[in-house]
Amino acid sequence: MEKIGKYQFMAEPFHCDFNAQLIMGHLGNHLLNAADFHSNDRGFGMIYLKTINKAWVLSRLAVEMERMPKAYDKFWVETWVENAMRFFTNRNFAITSPDGQVYGYGRSVWAMIDTETRQPHNLLEINNGSISDYIVKDKPCPIDKSSRVQMTAGAELVRTIDTYYNDVDMNGHINSVKYIEHVLDLWDLDWYRNHQIHRFEVAYVAESHQGDRLSLYREQTGENEYCIRICKDTDVEVVRSKVIFY
């Protein structure tokens, strides 16, 4: 099969905001779906992993957009594996219009775990290391890799939220995209009337589960740049994020 996967999606109107633009959380879903399609088709995806009690876990995601698809716009997500190491793999994305215009790019880092022990597993052992056959080193992804989000003890506690059934994914922990939604809900409609998301980063530090209370701390670290920390049980950090607005 081709090393690079290319999948078409549509900005469904129910997945768009009041500006008729695709919501970042739903774009995140499309990126993860593209990653799932690509890996399943090539023998190292969740369909196969489930039979051997293994699973992919998203560790980091960075998305940088010049603009968002509008309601009913069709768009393509290209995805490819940049490299694969023993416990982590880097997967990139390009989001483009049908006529080839670039909306933006994404970078992600994934780990593999044993779903029974919840411990990391050597991904190069899966299906005779077939992931190595699909590494693409010469396709550019012209955005920075995820940074280390630096925050001080002075970050403001903005909100504490409960977690429920709809927050949980098939791996039994809080859905990766739900964290994105919770972070971006820290700003109201008035803010989004005057600002657009240029870059979004999220790093997943630890798992949280249904019933955990999540505390969201925010700190401004630059012009239109904010860092966010999400903790469970008040002080156990589970996520760090950075958002840069236009």
Protein backbone atom coordinates (compact mmCIF):
# COMPACT_ATOMS: atom_id res chain seq x y z
CA MET A 1 0.00 0.00 0.00
CA GLU A 2 0.97 3.65 -0.33
CA LYS A 3 2.91 4.92 2.64
CA ILE A 4 0.81 8.10 2.86
CA GLY A 5 -2.91 7.87 3.54
CA LYS A 6 -5.38 10.45 2.21
CA TYR A 7 -8.97 10.64 3.46
CA GLN A 8 -11.82 12.98 2.63
CA PHE A 9 -14.06 14.53 5.28
CA MET A 10 -16.71 17.24 5.35
CA ALA A 11 -17.20 20.09 7.79
CA GLU A 12 -20.67 19.03 8.86
CA PRO A 13 -22.77 22.00 9.98
CA PHE A 14 -23.43 20.42 13.38
CA HIS A 15 -19.65 20.33 13.91
CA CYS A 16 -19.19 24.06 13.20
CA ASP A 17 -19.28 27.05 15.52
CA PHE A 18 -21.28 30.28 15.35
CA ASN A 19 -18.88 31.52 12.63
CA ALA A 20 -19.75 28.45 10.52
CA GLN A 21 -16.16 27.23 10.93
CA LEU A 22 -15.20 23.68 11.86
CA ILE A 23 -14.59 23.42 15.61
CA MET A 24 -11.04 22.48 16.60
CA GLY A 25 -12.24 19.50 18.64
CA HIS A 26 -14.03 18.04 15.63
CA LEU A 27 -10.97 18.64 13.46
CA GLY A 28 -9.06 16.69 16.09
CA ASN A 29 -11.54 13.85 15.69
CA HIS A 30 -10.96 13.83 11.93
CA LEU A 31 -7.18 13.70 12.42
CA LEU A 32 -7.51 10.77 14.81
CA ASN A 33 -9.89 9.02 12.44
CA ALA A 34 -7.39 9.44 9.59
CA ALA A 35 -4.65 7.97 11.81
CA ASP A 36 -6.94 5.05 12.65
CA PHE A 37 -7.83 4.38 9.00
CA HIS A 38 -4.18 4.56 7.96
CA SER A 39 -2.90 2.21 10.66
CA ASN A 40 -5.75 -0.30 10.34
CA ASP A 41 -5.29 -0.59 6.59
CA ARG A 42 -1.60 -1.33 7.08
CA GLY A 43 -1.85 -3.93 9.83
CA PHE A 44 -0.90 -2.03 12.97
CA GLY A 45 -4.20 -0.37 13.89
CA MET A 46 -6.72 -0.75 16.67
CA ILE A 47 -8.68 -3.54 14.96
CA TYR A 48 -5.65 -5.83 15.12
CA LEU A 49 -4.31 -4.47 18.41
CA LYS A 50 -7.56 -5.21 20.21
CA THR A 51 -7.08 -8.93 19.51
CA ILE A 52 -3.74 -8.92 21.34
CA ASN A 53 -4.73 -6.59 24.22
CA LYS A 54 -2.77 -3.60 22.96
CA ALA A 55 -3.83 -0.06 22.08
CA TRP A 56 -2.47 3.18 20.70
CA VAL A 57 -2.48 6.13 23.12
CA LEU A 58 -2.10 9.70 21.93
CA SER A 59 0.74 11.39 23.82
CA ARG A 60 1.06 14.79 22.09
CA LEU A 61 -0.78 16.71 19.40
CA ALA A 62 0.05 20.05 17.79
CA VAL A 63 -2.20 21.59 15.14
CA GLU A 64 -1.43 24.83 13.32
CA MET A 65 -4.10 26.29 11.04
CA GLU A 66 -4.08 29.21 8.63
CA ARG A 67 -7.85 28.92 8.33
CA MET A 68 -10.60 26.44 9.13
CA PRO A 69 -12.92 24.65 6.71
CA LYS A 70 -16.38 26.22 6.58
CA ALA A 71 -19.71 24.42 6.95
CA TYR A 72 -20.28 21.88 4.15
CA ASP A 73 -16.70 22.27 2.86
CA LYS A 74 -15.07 19.01 1.87
CA PHE A 75 -11.42 18.64 2.77
CA TRP A 76 -8.63 16.07 2.75
CA VAL A 77 -6.52 14.83 5.63
CA GLU A 78 -3.20 13.30 4.61
CA THR A 79 -1.32 11.36 7.26
CA TRP A 80 2.00 9.56 7.41
CA VAL A 81 4.45 8.09 9.91
CA GLU A 82 7.57 10.23 10.24
CA ASN A 83 9.52 7.81 12.43
CA ALA A 84 9.05 4.89 14.80
CA MET A 85 11.05 4.12 17.91
CA ARG A 86 10.65 1.43 20.52
CA PHE A 87 7.97 3.15 22.59
CA PHE A 88 6.90 6.17 20.52
CA THR A 89 6.03 7.01 16.94
CA ASN A 90 5.61 10.40 15.28
CA ARG A 91 2.69 10.84 12.89
CA ASN A 92 2.07 13.97 10.80
CA PHE A 93 -0.97 15.43 9.09
CA ALA A 94 -1.73 17.87 6.29
CA ILE A 95 -5.22 19.38 5.95
CA THR A 96 -6.01 20.59 2.44
CA SER A 97 -8.95 21.70 0.28
CA PRO A 98 -10.04 19.66 -2.78
CA ASP A 99 -8.14 22.09 -5.02
CA GLY A 100 -4.93 21.66 -3.02
CA GLN A 101 -4.96 24.78 -0.83
CA VAL A 102 -3.48 24.15 2.61
CA TYR A 103 -5.63 24.74 5.67
CA GLY A 104 -2.95 23.63 8.10
CA TYR A 105 -0.75 20.87 9.46
CA GLY A 106 -0.54 18.65 12.50
CA ARG A 107 2.10 16.72 14.39
CA SER A 108 1.40 13.93 16.87
CA VAL A 109 3.26 11.52 19.12
CA TRP A 110 1.78 8.12 19.98
CA ALA A 111 2.66 5.38 22.45
CA MET A 112 1.45 1.79 22.62
CA ILE A 113 0.21 0.23 25.85
CA ASP A 114 -0.83 -3.20 27.05
CA THR A 115 -4.51 -2.76 27.91
CA GLU A 116 -4.31 -5.30 30.75
CA THR A 117 -1.24 -3.96 32.55
CA ARG A 118 -1.57 -0.33 31.28
CA GLN A 119 2.20 -0.41 30.76
CA PRO A 120 4.09 0.71 27.61
CA HIS A 121 4.68 -1.92 24.95
CA ASN A 122 7.37 -2.12 22.26
CA LEU A 123 5.50 -1.08 19.12
CA LEU A 124 8.24 -2.45 16.85
CA GLU A 125 7.19 -5.97 17.91
CA ILE A 126 3.69 -5.57 16.47
CA ASN A 127 2.98 -7.52 13.29
CA ASN A 128 6.70 -8.11 12.69
CA GLY A 129 7.44 -4.39 12.94
CA SER A 130 5.26 -3.55 9.92
CA ILE A 131 5.04 0.10 10.95
CA SER A 132 8.68 0.48 9.84
CA ASP A 133 7.66 -0.28 6.26
CA TYR A 134 5.55 2.88 6.15
CA ILE A 135 7.96 5.51 7.47
CA VAL A 136 8.13 8.63 5.29
CA LYS A 137 11.10 10.89 5.96
CA ASP A 138 11.00 13.16 2.91
CA LYS A 139 7.49 14.66 3.15
CA PRO A 140 7.62 18.08 4.83
CA CYS A 141 5.46 19.09 7.77
CA PRO A 142 6.41 22.76 8.11
CA ILE A 143 5.25 23.44 11.66
CA ASP A 144 7.16 23.23 14.91
CA LYS A 145 7.02 20.12 17.02
CA SER A 146 5.16 20.30 20.31
CA SER A 147 6.92 22.46 22.86
CA ARG A 148 7.34 21.88 26.57
CA VAL A 149 4.54 23.93 28.07
CA GLN A 150 6.02 26.02 30.87
CA MET A 151 3.75 27.34 33.61
CA THR A 152 4.30 28.98 36.98
CA ALA A 153 2.63 28.40 40.32
CA GLY A 154 0.71 31.62 39.69
CA ALA A 155 -1.58 30.08 37.06
CA GLU A 156 -5.22 30.95 37.74
CA LEU A 157 -7.78 28.27 38.55
CA VAL A 158 -10.52 29.08 36.03
CA ARG A 159 -12.90 26.14 36.27
CA THR A 160 -13.49 22.77 37.88
CA ILE A 161 -15.63 20.23 36.01
CA ASP A 162 -17.02 16.77 36.57
CA THR A 163 -16.59 13.86 34.13
CA TYR A 164 -19.34 11.57 32.91
CA TYR A 165 -20.18 8.71 30.53
CA ASN A 166 -19.82 10.83 27.38
CA ASP A 167 -16.29 11.85 28.38
CA VAL A 168 -14.94 8.28 28.23
CA ASP A 169 -13.42 6.59 25.15
CA MET A 170 -13.10 2.92 24.18
CA ASN A 171 -9.88 2.60 26.19
CA GLY A 172 -11.79 3.44 29.38
CA HIS A 173 -10.21 6.82 30.09
CA ILE A 174 -11.23 10.40 29.33
CA ASN A 175 -11.33 10.98 25.57
CA SER A 176 -8.37 12.90 24.15
CA VAL A 177 -10.63 15.27 22.23
CA LYS A 178 -12.76 16.04 25.31
CA TYR A 179 -9.72 17.70 26.88
CA ILE A 180 -9.40 19.91 23.78
CA GLU A 181 -13.03 20.95 24.12
CA HIS A 182 -12.65 21.68 27.84
CA VAL A 183 -9.57 23.84 27.20
CA LEU A 184 -11.17 25.89 24.43
CA ASP A 185 -14.31 26.45 26.51
CA LEU A 186 -12.21 28.63 28.83
CA TRP A 187 -12.86 31.55 26.45
CA ASP A 188 -16.35 32.88 25.74
CA LEU A 189 -18.10 33.79 22.49
CA ASP A 190 -17.03 37.42 22.68
CA TRP A 191 -13.40 36.32 22.63
CA TYR A 192 -13.96 34.08 19.61
CA ARG A 193 -15.76 36.88 17.77
CA ASN A 194 -12.43 38.71 17.68
CA HIS A 195 -9.86 35.89 17.75
CA GLN A 196 -9.12 32.72 15.81
CA ILE A 197 -7.07 29.74 16.92
CA HIS A 198 -3.76 29.66 15.10
CA ARG A 199 -1.96 26.91 17.00
CA PHE A 200 -3.15 24.38 19.53
CA GLU A 201 -0.91 22.02 21.49
CA VAL A 202 -1.84 19.35 24.00
CA ALA A 203 0.32 16.90 25.93
CA TYR A 204 -1.27 14.01 27.79
CA VAL A 205 0.59 13.39 31.04
CA ALA A 206 -1.60 10.85 32.85
CA GLU A 207 -4.96 9.14 32.55
CA SER A 208 -8.16 10.31 34.16
CA HIS A 209 -11.42 8.42 34.39
CA GLN A 210 -15.14 8.91 34.74
CA GLY A 211 -15.89 10.43 38.11
CA ASP A 212 -12.62 12.38 38.35
CA ARG A 213 -13.02 16.11 38.92
CA LEU A 214 -10.82 18.15 36.60
CA SER A 215 -9.39 21.55 37.57
CA LEU A 216 -8.29 23.83 34.73
CA TYR A 217 -5.57 26.43 35.35
CA ARG A 218 -4.71 29.13 32.81
CA GLU A 219 -1.77 31.51 32.47
CA GLN A 220 -1.04 34.09 29.78
CA THR A 221 2.51 33.59 28.54
CA GLY A 222 2.66 35.98 25.58
CA GLU A 223 0.58 38.17 23.31
CA ASN A 224 -2.49 36.06 22.52
CA GLU A 225 -0.64 33.03 23.94
CA TYR A 226 -1.99 31.00 26.86
CA CYS A 227 -0.90 27.87 28.68
CA ILE A 228 -3.31 25.56 30.45
CA ARG A 229 -2.83 22.84 33.03
CA ILE A 230 -5.54 20.27 33.85
CA CYS A 231 -5.34 18.39 37.13
CA LYS A 232 -7.44 15.71 38.77
CA ASP A 233 -7.87 15.44 42.53
CA THR A 234 -6.71 19.08 42.69
CA ASP A 235 -2.99 18.45 42.19
CA VAL A 236 -2.42 15.39 39.94
CA GLU A 237 -1.55 16.78 36.52
CA VAL A 238 -3.12 14.97 33.56
CA VAL A 239 -2.82 17.45 30.65
CA ARG A 240 -0.83 20.50 29.58
CA SER A 241 -1.87 22.65 26.66
CA LYS A 242 -0.92 25.81 24.81
CA VAL A 243 -3.17 27.96 22.61
CA ILE A 244 -2.01 30.76 20.32
CA PHE A 245 -4.67 33.02 18.82
CA TYR A 246 -4.64 35.44 15.91
